[in-house]
Amino acid sequence: MKQSDPQDEKAPKRTTRVDGARTRARIIESAGRLIGANGFAETTSKAIATAAGVDLASINYHFGSRDGLYKAVLVEAHRRFITLDELQAIAGDEGPPQDKLRRFLDRLVTRALAPKDWNGNVLARELLSPGSHIEVLFEQEIGPKFRVLSSVLSEISGISAGDPALVRCAISVGAPCAMIFVARRNENPLSRQIDAMGKDELVDHLLSFALGGLQAIGRDHDKPVSRSD
């Protein structure tokens, strides 16, 4: 009697997992395109299922609900903008922190100036009109990435990691990039001016602006605040 090969018994399970991952990715891709074009409120589960070539039960199976799917779309959109691995690689490289910050800004500006895609549209919509779903971005993406970036900002400013002042610094460094990103989602006078700028020139300006602010904040951070009577 021929004995069954253990590898043959495991193959169907592996195939099922791979197929499930592909289906999940296809649903996210279809949902991202529709939500990026029409907004979350105007995108139905039925439309997403039709675009992905699945039934409605598949959305609930993989994401629990329409809200769960949107959260997964937001997370994927942010990862396509910049991943935690990319940030960790930048922060972990040897060299002065100023060079690390320039690489970080270069990465953000490059993505912000890239051709419009669904992940950019989804993030821009959420930034302009944030809802409760944005909390998942802070928990899974923005929070961990901020902790990596703050180590670089700490080196430049001299402010200890964990100090609330670094949160303000991170916002000040990231906000101009977010503005560029959002402004380019639609054709407008500002987006045309941004498109006319050279990427390196824009990165150099953002770096100089950020370094000036970080160094000034670092110098004044531990000074006593004078109060007038």
Foldseek 3Di string as FASTA:
>chain_A
DDDDDVVVVCVVVVVVVVVLVVLLVLLLQLVLQCCLVPNLVPDDLCSSCVSSVHDSVSCCVVQVDSLSSLLVNLQVLVVVLPNLVRLLVLLPDDDALLVSLLVVLLSLLVSLLDPDDSSLSSVLVCVVPPDPSCVSCCVPPVVSSLQSVLVSLCRLLVDDRPPVVSVVLVCLLCVVSSVSNNVCNDDDPVVVVVNPDDSVVVSVVSSVVSSVVSNVCSVCVPPDDDDDD
